[in-house]
Structure formats: C-alpha cells, structure tokens
N, C-alpha and C. Protein backbone atom coordinates (compact mmCIF):
# COMPACT_ATOMS: atom_id res chain seq x y z
N MET A 1 0.81 -1.19 0.00
CA MET A 1 0.00 0.00 0.00
C MET A 1 0.86 1.26 0.00
N SER A 2 1.88 1.28 0.82
CA SER A 2 2.74 2.46 0.85
C SER A 2 3.53 2.61 -0.45
N ALA A 3 3.75 1.51 -1.15
CA ALA A 3 4.46 1.60 -2.42
C ALA A 3 3.60 2.34 -3.46
N HIS A 4 2.28 2.12 -3.42
CA HIS A 4 1.39 2.80 -4.36
C HIS A 4 1.33 4.30 -4.06
N ILE A 5 1.31 4.63 -2.79
CA ILE A 5 1.25 6.04 -2.43
C ILE A 5 2.53 6.75 -2.90
N LEU A 6 3.67 6.12 -2.69
CA LEU A 6 4.91 6.73 -3.13
C LEU A 6 4.98 6.79 -4.66
N THR A 7 4.44 5.80 -5.34
CA THR A 7 4.50 5.78 -6.80
C THR A 7 3.57 6.82 -7.40
N PHE A 8 2.37 6.93 -6.86
CA PHE A 8 1.40 7.86 -7.44
C PHE A 8 1.67 9.31 -7.08
N ARG A 9 2.14 9.55 -5.89
CA ARG A 9 2.32 10.94 -5.46
C ARG A 9 3.29 11.71 -6.35
N PRO A 10 4.49 11.22 -6.63
CA PRO A 10 5.36 11.98 -7.51
C PRO A 10 4.80 12.11 -8.94
N ALA A 11 4.02 11.15 -9.39
CA ALA A 11 3.47 11.22 -10.74
C ALA A 11 2.42 12.33 -10.84
N ARG A 12 1.65 12.57 -9.80
CA ARG A 12 0.61 13.60 -9.85
C ARG A 12 1.20 15.00 -9.86
N LEU A 13 2.19 15.26 -9.08
CA LEU A 13 2.75 16.59 -9.01
C LEU A 13 3.36 17.05 -10.34
N PRO A 14 4.18 16.25 -11.00
CA PRO A 14 4.71 16.73 -12.28
C PRO A 14 3.61 16.94 -13.33
N GLN A 15 2.57 16.12 -13.35
CA GLN A 15 1.49 16.32 -14.31
C GLN A 15 0.76 17.63 -14.03
N ALA A 16 0.49 17.87 -12.78
CA ALA A 16 -0.18 19.12 -12.43
C ALA A 16 0.70 20.32 -12.74
N GLU A 17 1.98 20.20 -12.44
CA GLU A 17 2.91 21.29 -12.74
C GLU A 17 3.02 21.51 -14.25
N ALA A 18 3.08 20.42 -14.99
CA ALA A 18 3.15 20.53 -16.45
C ALA A 18 1.89 21.19 -17.01
N ALA A 19 0.74 20.83 -16.48
CA ALA A 19 -0.51 21.44 -16.92
C ALA A 19 -0.54 22.93 -16.59
N ARG A 20 -0.06 23.28 -15.40
CA ARG A 20 -0.01 24.69 -15.01
C ARG A 20 0.92 25.48 -15.93
N ARG A 21 2.07 24.90 -16.23
CA ARG A 21 3.03 25.59 -17.11
C ARG A 21 2.47 25.74 -18.52
N ARG A 22 1.80 24.70 -19.03
CA ARG A 22 1.19 24.82 -20.35
C ARG A 22 0.14 25.91 -20.36
N ALA A 23 -0.65 25.98 -19.30
CA ALA A 23 -1.69 27.01 -19.22
C ALA A 23 -1.07 28.40 -19.19
N MET A 24 0.04 28.54 -18.48
CA MET A 24 0.70 29.84 -18.43
C MET A 24 1.28 30.22 -19.79
N LEU A 25 1.84 29.24 -20.49
CA LEU A 25 2.40 29.52 -21.81
C LEU A 25 1.32 29.88 -22.82
N LEU A 26 0.15 29.29 -22.68
CA LEU A 26 -0.92 29.52 -23.64
C LEU A 26 -1.76 30.75 -23.32
N HIS A 27 -1.51 31.38 -22.20
CA HIS A 27 -2.29 32.56 -21.85
C HIS A 27 -2.01 33.68 -22.84
N PRO A 28 -3.04 34.40 -23.26
CA PRO A 28 -2.84 35.45 -24.26
C PRO A 28 -1.81 36.50 -23.90
N SER A 29 -1.63 36.76 -22.62
CA SER A 29 -0.66 37.79 -22.25
C SER A 29 0.77 37.34 -22.52
N ASN A 30 0.99 36.04 -22.70
CA ASN A 30 2.32 35.53 -22.98
C ASN A 30 2.60 35.41 -24.47
N PHE A 31 1.66 35.79 -25.30
CA PHE A 31 1.82 35.64 -26.74
C PHE A 31 2.83 36.64 -27.27
N ILE A 32 3.83 36.14 -27.98
CA ILE A 32 4.82 36.99 -28.62
C ILE A 32 4.72 36.69 -30.11
N SER A 33 4.28 37.67 -30.88
CA SER A 33 4.12 37.42 -32.30
C SER A 33 5.47 37.29 -32.97
N GLU A 34 5.51 36.42 -33.96
CA GLU A 34 6.74 36.24 -34.71
C GLU A 34 6.88 37.43 -35.65
N SER A 35 8.08 37.95 -35.72
CA SER A 35 8.28 39.09 -36.62
C SER A 35 8.42 38.57 -38.03
N ALA A 36 7.51 39.00 -38.88
CA ALA A 36 7.55 38.59 -40.27
C ALA A 36 8.59 39.41 -41.01
N PRO A 37 9.18 38.86 -42.06
CA PRO A 37 10.13 39.65 -42.83
C PRO A 37 9.45 40.87 -43.41
N ALA A 38 10.03 42.02 -43.18
CA ALA A 38 9.39 43.28 -43.56
C ALA A 38 9.22 43.41 -45.06
N GLY A 39 10.16 42.96 -45.83
CA GLY A 39 10.08 43.13 -47.27
C GLY A 39 9.05 42.23 -47.91
N GLY A 40 8.99 40.97 -47.53
CA GLY A 40 8.14 40.00 -48.20
C GLY A 40 6.66 40.22 -47.95
N SER A 41 6.25 40.31 -46.71
CA SER A 41 4.83 40.43 -46.41
C SER A 41 4.29 41.80 -46.79
N GLY A 42 5.09 42.83 -46.68
CA GLY A 42 4.64 44.17 -47.05
C GLY A 42 4.39 44.29 -48.54
N LYS A 43 5.29 43.72 -49.34
CA LYS A 43 5.11 43.75 -50.78
C LYS A 43 3.90 42.91 -51.19
N GLU A 44 3.74 41.76 -50.53
CA GLU A 44 2.60 40.90 -50.83
C GLU A 44 1.29 41.62 -50.52
N ALA A 45 1.26 42.33 -49.41
CA ALA A 45 0.06 43.08 -49.04
C ALA A 45 -0.22 44.20 -50.04
N GLU A 46 0.84 44.87 -50.49
CA GLU A 46 0.65 45.95 -51.47
C GLU A 46 0.14 45.40 -52.80
N GLU A 47 0.66 44.23 -53.21
CA GLU A 47 0.19 43.61 -54.45
C GLU A 47 -1.27 43.21 -54.35
N LEU A 48 -1.66 42.70 -53.20
CA LEU A 48 -3.07 42.34 -53.01
C LEU A 48 -3.95 43.59 -52.99
N ALA A 49 -3.43 44.67 -52.41
CA ALA A 49 -4.21 45.92 -52.36
C ALA A 49 -4.47 46.46 -53.75
N VAL A 50 -3.54 46.27 -54.66
CA VAL A 50 -3.73 46.72 -56.04
C VAL A 50 -4.90 45.97 -56.67
N ARG A 51 -5.07 44.71 -56.31
CA ARG A 51 -6.18 43.92 -56.84
C ARG A 51 -7.54 44.48 -56.38
N PHE A 52 -7.55 45.10 -55.23
CA PHE A 52 -8.81 45.66 -54.74
C PHE A 52 -9.23 46.91 -55.51
N ASP A 53 -8.27 47.56 -56.15
CA ASP A 53 -8.58 48.78 -56.89
C ASP A 53 -9.60 48.56 -58.00
N SER A 54 -9.49 47.44 -58.71
CA SER A 54 -10.45 47.19 -59.79
C SER A 54 -11.85 46.96 -59.23
N LEU A 55 -11.95 46.26 -58.13
CA LEU A 55 -13.25 46.06 -57.49
C LEU A 55 -13.81 47.39 -56.98
N TYR A 56 -12.94 48.21 -56.44
CA TYR A 56 -13.32 49.55 -55.97
C TYR A 56 -13.87 50.38 -57.13
N GLN A 57 -13.20 50.31 -58.26
CA GLN A 57 -13.64 51.06 -59.43
C GLN A 57 -15.01 50.58 -59.91
N GLU A 58 -15.25 49.28 -59.83
CA GLU A 58 -16.57 48.74 -60.20
C GLU A 58 -17.66 49.32 -59.31
N PHE A 59 -17.41 49.40 -58.02
CA PHE A 59 -18.41 49.95 -57.11
C PHE A 59 -18.62 51.44 -57.36
N LEU A 60 -17.54 52.15 -57.69
CA LEU A 60 -17.70 53.56 -58.04
C LEU A 60 -18.52 53.73 -59.31
N ASP A 61 -18.30 52.85 -60.28
CA ASP A 61 -19.06 52.91 -61.52
C ASP A 61 -20.54 52.61 -61.30
N GLN A 62 -20.85 51.87 -60.24
CA GLN A 62 -22.25 51.57 -59.92
C GLN A 62 -22.92 52.75 -59.22
N GLY A 63 -22.16 53.78 -58.90
CA GLY A 63 -22.72 54.97 -58.30
C GLY A 63 -22.59 55.07 -56.79
N LEU A 64 -21.80 54.21 -56.17
CA LEU A 64 -21.60 54.29 -54.73
C LEU A 64 -20.65 55.43 -54.39
N PRO A 65 -20.84 56.11 -53.25
CA PRO A 65 -19.87 57.11 -52.79
C PRO A 65 -18.52 56.43 -52.49
N ALA A 66 -17.46 57.22 -52.47
CA ALA A 66 -16.11 56.67 -52.33
C ALA A 66 -15.93 55.85 -51.06
N ASN A 67 -16.35 56.39 -49.91
CA ASN A 67 -16.18 55.64 -48.66
C ASN A 67 -17.01 54.36 -48.65
N GLN A 68 -18.22 54.44 -49.16
CA GLN A 68 -19.06 53.24 -49.20
C GLN A 68 -18.47 52.20 -50.15
N ALA A 69 -17.88 52.65 -51.25
CA ALA A 69 -17.25 51.72 -52.18
C ALA A 69 -16.06 51.02 -51.52
N ARG A 70 -15.29 51.76 -50.73
CA ARG A 70 -14.15 51.16 -50.03
C ARG A 70 -14.61 50.14 -48.99
N THR A 71 -15.63 50.50 -48.22
CA THR A 71 -16.12 49.54 -47.22
C THR A 71 -16.78 48.34 -47.90
N GLU A 72 -17.35 48.54 -49.06
CA GLU A 72 -17.94 47.43 -49.80
C GLU A 72 -16.85 46.47 -50.30
N VAL A 73 -15.71 47.02 -50.68
CA VAL A 73 -14.57 46.18 -51.06
C VAL A 73 -14.13 45.35 -49.84
N ALA A 74 -14.06 45.99 -48.68
CA ALA A 74 -13.68 45.28 -47.46
C ALA A 74 -14.70 44.20 -47.12
N ARG A 75 -15.98 44.51 -47.28
CA ARG A 75 -17.03 43.52 -47.00
C ARG A 75 -16.95 42.34 -47.95
N THR A 76 -16.68 42.62 -49.21
CA THR A 76 -16.56 41.56 -50.20
C THR A 76 -15.35 40.67 -49.90
N ALA A 77 -14.24 41.28 -49.54
CA ALA A 77 -13.04 40.50 -49.19
C ALA A 77 -13.29 39.67 -47.94
N ALA A 78 -13.97 40.25 -46.95
CA ALA A 78 -14.27 39.52 -45.72
C ALA A 78 -15.16 38.31 -46.03
N ARG A 79 -16.13 38.51 -46.91
CA ARG A 79 -17.01 37.41 -47.29
C ARG A 79 -16.23 36.32 -48.02
N ASP A 80 -15.28 36.72 -48.87
CA ASP A 80 -14.47 35.74 -49.59
C ASP A 80 -13.59 34.94 -48.63
N ILE A 81 -12.99 35.62 -47.65
CA ILE A 81 -12.17 34.93 -46.65
C ILE A 81 -13.03 33.95 -45.87
N TRP A 82 -14.21 34.42 -45.44
CA TRP A 82 -15.13 33.57 -44.68
C TRP A 82 -15.52 32.34 -45.49
N ASP A 83 -15.88 32.56 -46.77
CA ASP A 83 -16.29 31.43 -47.62
C ASP A 83 -15.16 30.44 -47.83
N ALA A 84 -13.93 30.94 -47.97
CA ALA A 84 -12.78 30.04 -48.15
C ALA A 84 -12.55 29.19 -46.90
N PHE A 85 -12.61 29.81 -45.72
CA PHE A 85 -12.47 29.05 -44.47
C PHE A 85 -13.59 28.04 -44.32
N ALA A 86 -14.82 28.45 -44.59
CA ALA A 86 -15.96 27.55 -44.43
C ALA A 86 -15.87 26.37 -45.40
N SER A 87 -15.43 26.63 -46.61
CA SER A 87 -15.27 25.56 -47.59
C SER A 87 -14.21 24.56 -47.15
N ARG A 88 -13.09 25.07 -46.69
CA ARG A 88 -12.03 24.18 -46.19
C ARG A 88 -12.50 23.42 -44.96
N LEU A 89 -13.26 24.09 -44.10
CA LEU A 89 -13.79 23.44 -42.90
C LEU A 89 -14.68 22.26 -43.28
N ARG A 90 -15.59 22.48 -44.24
CA ARG A 90 -16.46 21.39 -44.68
C ARG A 90 -15.65 20.25 -45.29
N GLY A 91 -14.63 20.59 -46.05
CA GLY A 91 -13.78 19.56 -46.65
C GLY A 91 -13.05 18.72 -45.61
N HIS A 92 -12.52 19.38 -44.59
CA HIS A 92 -11.81 18.64 -43.54
C HIS A 92 -12.77 17.78 -42.73
N ARG A 93 -13.96 18.29 -42.46
CA ARG A 93 -14.93 17.48 -41.73
C ARG A 93 -15.37 16.27 -42.54
N ALA A 94 -15.57 16.47 -43.83
CA ALA A 94 -15.97 15.36 -44.69
C ALA A 94 -14.87 14.30 -44.78
N ALA A 95 -13.61 14.75 -44.74
CA ALA A 95 -12.48 13.83 -44.82
C ALA A 95 -12.13 13.22 -43.46
N GLY A 96 -12.82 13.65 -42.41
CA GLY A 96 -12.56 13.11 -41.08
C GLY A 96 -11.32 13.69 -40.42
N GLN A 97 -10.86 14.84 -40.87
CA GLN A 97 -9.67 15.48 -40.30
C GLN A 97 -10.14 16.51 -39.26
N GLN A 98 -10.47 16.01 -38.09
CA GLN A 98 -11.09 16.84 -37.07
C GLN A 98 -10.15 17.93 -36.55
N LEU A 99 -8.87 17.64 -36.43
CA LEU A 99 -7.93 18.63 -35.92
C LEU A 99 -7.88 19.84 -36.86
N ASP A 100 -7.77 19.59 -38.16
CA ASP A 100 -7.76 20.69 -39.12
C ASP A 100 -9.10 21.43 -39.13
N ALA A 101 -10.18 20.68 -38.97
CA ALA A 101 -11.50 21.32 -38.91
C ALA A 101 -11.61 22.23 -37.70
N ASN A 102 -11.09 21.80 -36.57
CA ASN A 102 -11.12 22.64 -35.37
C ASN A 102 -10.29 23.91 -35.56
N VAL A 103 -9.15 23.79 -36.22
CA VAL A 103 -8.30 24.95 -36.47
C VAL A 103 -9.06 25.96 -37.33
N LEU A 104 -9.75 25.48 -38.35
CA LEU A 104 -10.49 26.38 -39.22
C LEU A 104 -11.71 26.97 -38.53
N ALA A 105 -12.30 26.24 -37.60
CA ALA A 105 -13.41 26.80 -36.82
C ALA A 105 -12.92 27.96 -35.96
N VAL A 106 -11.72 27.84 -35.42
CA VAL A 106 -11.12 28.94 -34.66
C VAL A 106 -10.88 30.14 -35.58
N ALA A 107 -10.42 29.87 -36.79
CA ALA A 107 -10.19 30.95 -37.75
C ALA A 107 -11.49 31.68 -38.08
N LEU A 108 -12.56 30.93 -38.27
CA LEU A 108 -13.85 31.56 -38.55
C LEU A 108 -14.31 32.43 -37.38
N ALA A 109 -14.11 31.94 -36.18
CA ALA A 109 -14.49 32.73 -35.01
C ALA A 109 -13.63 33.99 -34.90
N SER A 110 -12.38 33.90 -35.36
CA SER A 110 -11.47 35.05 -35.28
C SER A 110 -11.91 36.19 -36.18
N ILE A 111 -12.46 35.87 -37.34
CA ILE A 111 -12.81 36.93 -38.29
C ILE A 111 -14.29 37.27 -38.27
N GLN A 112 -15.04 36.66 -37.37
CA GLN A 112 -16.47 36.91 -37.30
C GLN A 112 -16.79 38.37 -37.02
N CYS A 113 -15.94 39.05 -36.29
CA CYS A 113 -16.17 40.46 -35.95
C CYS A 113 -16.27 41.33 -37.20
N MET A 114 -15.53 40.96 -38.24
CA MET A 114 -15.58 41.73 -39.48
C MET A 114 -16.93 41.60 -40.16
N ASN A 115 -17.43 40.37 -40.24
CA ASN A 115 -18.68 40.13 -40.93
C ASN A 115 -19.87 40.73 -40.19
N ILE A 116 -19.72 40.99 -38.92
CA ILE A 116 -20.79 41.63 -38.15
C ILE A 116 -20.70 43.15 -38.28
N ALA A 117 -19.49 43.70 -38.21
CA ALA A 117 -19.32 45.16 -38.16
C ALA A 117 -19.44 45.84 -39.52
N LEU A 118 -18.90 45.24 -40.55
CA LEU A 118 -18.84 45.92 -41.85
C LEU A 118 -20.21 46.26 -42.46
N PRO A 119 -21.20 45.38 -42.42
CA PRO A 119 -22.49 45.75 -43.03
C PRO A 119 -23.30 46.77 -42.24
N ARG A 120 -22.97 46.99 -40.98
CA ARG A 120 -23.77 47.89 -40.13
C ARG A 120 -23.78 49.32 -40.63
N ARG A 121 -22.60 49.86 -40.88
CA ARG A 121 -22.48 51.24 -41.36
C ARG A 121 -21.63 51.26 -42.62
N PRO A 122 -22.28 51.19 -43.79
CA PRO A 122 -21.54 51.02 -45.03
C PRO A 122 -20.64 52.18 -45.43
N GLU A 123 -20.83 53.37 -44.88
CA GLU A 123 -19.98 54.50 -45.27
C GLU A 123 -18.94 54.86 -44.20
N ASP A 124 -18.89 54.12 -43.11
CA ASP A 124 -17.97 54.42 -42.02
C ASP A 124 -16.63 53.74 -42.27
N LEU A 125 -15.70 54.48 -42.83
CA LEU A 125 -14.39 53.94 -43.19
C LEU A 125 -13.56 53.65 -41.94
N ASP A 126 -13.70 54.46 -40.90
CA ASP A 126 -12.97 54.20 -39.66
C ASP A 126 -13.38 52.86 -39.04
N LEU A 127 -14.67 52.59 -39.06
CA LEU A 127 -15.16 51.30 -38.55
C LEU A 127 -14.60 50.15 -39.37
N ALA A 128 -14.54 50.32 -40.68
CA ALA A 128 -14.01 49.27 -41.54
C ALA A 128 -12.54 49.00 -41.23
N VAL A 129 -11.77 50.06 -41.05
CA VAL A 129 -10.35 49.89 -40.73
C VAL A 129 -10.19 49.18 -39.39
N ARG A 130 -10.96 49.59 -38.39
CA ARG A 130 -10.87 48.95 -37.07
C ARG A 130 -11.30 47.48 -37.13
N ALA A 131 -12.34 47.18 -37.89
CA ALA A 131 -12.82 45.80 -37.99
C ALA A 131 -11.78 44.91 -38.66
N VAL A 132 -11.18 45.40 -39.73
CA VAL A 132 -10.16 44.62 -40.43
C VAL A 132 -8.94 44.42 -39.55
N ARG A 133 -8.50 45.48 -38.88
CA ARG A 133 -7.33 45.39 -37.99
C ARG A 133 -7.59 44.43 -36.84
N THR A 134 -8.78 44.51 -36.25
CA THR A 134 -9.12 43.61 -35.15
C THR A 134 -9.16 42.16 -35.61
N ALA A 135 -9.76 41.92 -36.75
CA ALA A 135 -9.83 40.55 -37.28
C ALA A 135 -8.44 40.00 -37.57
N ARG A 136 -7.57 40.83 -38.14
CA ARG A 136 -6.21 40.38 -38.43
C ARG A 136 -5.45 40.05 -37.15
N ARG A 137 -5.59 40.92 -36.16
CA ARG A 137 -4.89 40.67 -34.88
C ARG A 137 -5.41 39.41 -34.20
N ARG A 138 -6.72 39.22 -34.21
CA ARG A 138 -7.28 38.01 -33.60
C ARG A 138 -6.81 36.77 -34.34
N LEU A 139 -6.79 36.85 -35.65
CA LEU A 139 -6.37 35.70 -36.45
C LEU A 139 -4.90 35.38 -36.19
N GLN A 140 -4.05 36.39 -36.14
CA GLN A 140 -2.63 36.16 -35.85
C GLN A 140 -2.45 35.61 -34.44
N HIS A 141 -3.18 36.15 -33.49
CA HIS A 141 -3.07 35.70 -32.11
C HIS A 141 -3.50 34.24 -31.99
N ASN A 142 -4.65 33.92 -32.55
CA ASN A 142 -5.14 32.54 -32.46
C ASN A 142 -4.27 31.57 -33.24
N ALA A 143 -3.70 32.02 -34.34
CA ALA A 143 -2.77 31.16 -35.08
C ALA A 143 -1.55 30.85 -34.23
N GLY A 144 -1.06 31.85 -33.50
CA GLY A 144 0.08 31.61 -32.61
C GLY A 144 -0.25 30.63 -31.50
N LEU A 145 -1.44 30.77 -30.93
CA LEU A 145 -1.84 29.83 -29.88
C LEU A 145 -1.99 28.42 -30.44
N LEU A 146 -2.59 28.31 -31.61
CA LEU A 146 -2.78 26.99 -32.20
C LEU A 146 -1.45 26.36 -32.59
N ASP A 147 -0.50 27.17 -33.01
CA ASP A 147 0.82 26.62 -33.34
C ASP A 147 1.49 26.04 -32.11
N ARG A 148 1.23 26.62 -30.96
CA ARG A 148 1.80 26.07 -29.73
C ARG A 148 1.15 24.75 -29.37
N LEU A 149 -0.16 24.65 -29.60
CA LEU A 149 -0.88 23.42 -29.28
C LEU A 149 -0.64 22.32 -30.30
N HIS A 150 -0.73 22.69 -31.57
CA HIS A 150 -0.61 21.73 -32.66
C HIS A 150 0.40 22.29 -33.66
N PRO A 151 1.62 21.81 -33.62
CA PRO A 151 2.69 22.46 -34.36
C PRO A 151 2.61 22.38 -35.89
N HIS A 152 1.61 21.76 -36.46
CA HIS A 152 1.55 21.77 -37.92
C HIS A 152 0.88 23.06 -38.40
N GLN A 153 1.44 23.63 -39.43
CA GLN A 153 0.97 24.93 -39.94
C GLN A 153 -0.23 24.72 -40.86
N ASN A 154 -1.15 25.65 -40.83
CA ASN A 154 -2.28 25.63 -41.75
C ASN A 154 -2.14 26.86 -42.65
N PRO A 155 -2.00 26.67 -43.96
CA PRO A 155 -1.77 27.80 -44.86
C PRO A 155 -2.95 28.76 -44.94
N ALA A 156 -4.11 28.33 -44.51
CA ALA A 156 -5.28 29.21 -44.56
C ALA A 156 -5.07 30.45 -43.71
N PHE A 157 -4.42 30.32 -42.57
CA PHE A 157 -4.17 31.47 -41.71
C PHE A 157 -3.28 32.48 -42.41
N HIS A 158 -2.20 32.01 -43.04
CA HIS A 158 -1.27 32.92 -43.70
C HIS A 158 -1.98 33.66 -44.84
N ASP A 159 -2.75 32.93 -45.63
CA ASP A 159 -3.47 33.56 -46.74
C ASP A 159 -4.44 34.63 -46.25
N ALA A 160 -5.17 34.31 -45.20
CA ALA A 160 -6.15 35.27 -44.67
C ALA A 160 -5.45 36.49 -44.07
N VAL A 161 -4.37 36.29 -43.34
CA VAL A 161 -3.64 37.41 -42.76
C VAL A 161 -3.08 38.31 -43.86
N ALA A 162 -2.57 37.71 -44.93
CA ALA A 162 -2.05 38.50 -46.05
C ALA A 162 -3.17 39.32 -46.69
N THR A 163 -4.33 38.73 -46.84
CA THR A 163 -5.46 39.46 -47.42
C THR A 163 -5.91 40.59 -46.50
N LEU A 164 -5.93 40.34 -45.20
CA LEU A 164 -6.34 41.38 -44.25
C LEU A 164 -5.31 42.51 -44.21
N GLN A 165 -4.03 42.18 -44.33
CA GLN A 165 -3.01 43.22 -44.40
C GLN A 165 -3.21 44.06 -45.65
N ALA A 166 -3.55 43.40 -46.75
CA ALA A 166 -3.81 44.13 -47.99
C ALA A 166 -5.01 45.05 -47.83
N LEU A 167 -6.03 44.60 -47.14
CA LEU A 167 -7.20 45.46 -46.88
C LEU A 167 -6.81 46.68 -46.05
N GLU A 168 -5.94 46.47 -45.07
CA GLU A 168 -5.49 47.60 -44.27
C GLU A 168 -4.73 48.61 -45.12
N VAL A 169 -3.88 48.11 -46.01
CA VAL A 169 -3.14 48.99 -46.91
C VAL A 169 -4.12 49.73 -47.82
N PHE A 170 -5.12 49.02 -48.29
CA PHE A 170 -6.11 49.61 -49.19
C PHE A 170 -6.96 50.66 -48.48
N LEU A 171 -7.35 50.41 -47.25
CA LEU A 171 -8.24 51.32 -46.52
C LEU A 171 -7.49 52.46 -45.82
N ALA A 172 -6.28 52.23 -45.37
CA ALA A 172 -5.55 53.20 -44.55
C ALA A 172 -5.25 54.53 -45.26
N PRO A 173 -4.77 54.55 -46.49
CA PRO A 173 -4.47 55.85 -47.11
C PRO A 173 -5.70 56.74 -47.23
N GLN A 174 -6.84 56.16 -47.50
CA GLN A 174 -8.06 56.93 -47.61
C GLN A 174 -8.45 57.52 -46.26
N LYS A 175 -8.18 56.77 -45.20
CA LYS A 175 -8.48 57.26 -43.84
C LYS A 175 -7.64 58.48 -43.51
N LYS A 176 -6.37 58.47 -43.87
CA LYS A 176 -5.49 59.60 -43.58
C LYS A 176 -5.86 60.82 -44.41
N ALA A 177 -6.29 60.60 -45.63
CA ALA A 177 -6.63 61.73 -46.50
C ALA A 177 -7.93 62.37 -46.08
N ALA A 178 -8.84 61.61 -45.47
CA ALA A 178 -10.12 62.15 -45.05
C ALA A 178 -9.99 62.93 -43.81
C-alpha cells in the first residue's frame, strides 16, 4: 500500500505542474508574435491591395460614394475569406480530419467580428479599418496559440492574414486623407 502512495504521489505533481506551465504559456498575455520579414509580407500586401482597386472602381461605376465603395470592397473581401475558411472546414470534416477542422473553426471565429461590423455602417471607413485590424490581430493571435498546441501549420491562416493586411493597406491611405 505504501508503495502505491509513493509511486502515485510523484506522478501527480509533475502532471499538475506541467498542466499549469502549459496554461501559463498559452495565456494570451504571454503571446509573442513572430516578426515577419518586412520586405516580403509588405510587398505581398501591397500587391493584393492593387487587386482591390479594380473592385473599388466597379463599385464607383455603380454609383456608390467613395467611402461606401471602399467599405464594400472590405465587406466583399471579408465574405471571400469567410467562404474560403468555411469551404475548407467542410472539406476537412468530410475527410474526417477533425484537428484541421477545429483549427479552421477557430479561424472563422477570429474573423467573425468583421462580418458583423462591416455591413452595419456602409460609409464608415474608420469602422471598416478597425474591424479589419481587429480581425487580423485576432487571427494572428489565435494562429500563434494553435501553433503552440498543434505544431503543424495551416496555410489558410497565412493567406487570410495577407489578405487582411492588404485590406489595411487599401483602406488606410483613404483614412489619412479624409
């Protein structure tokens, strides 16, 4: 009997300590974002922002005011990101890849704030910038947490973050000029 007590007691303490340490590492206040190479991601974001110009011009040609056309571009991009995540999520669930499906469900929850905020006030460019910035930060934060839990990378996060950075580049100059 005393042998069991001695055997189990040391085993419980390290497990509890390990769980406590994992919880501390995963706490949002401990998140340190990886510094992306300044040249590569910035250029990629600028190239994506150029793609939004043609969509912006289409909305202007339809008679929308400039700010509303810009927020409509952001709403369209947010919808495209959402649809891409949802499509991948359905594919992973159908294939029985539950871990990847869970990762994509977290991604959808991260960008949900954009899909709620953008349609509310279609001419509010400041709101659009804040919604895109918040969604990007949440997505990057949650991607960092998921990388700690499950070290395999999901390219969907990188693609979405690049698109959101491009939206910020697209929306930000107009905000400063206004």
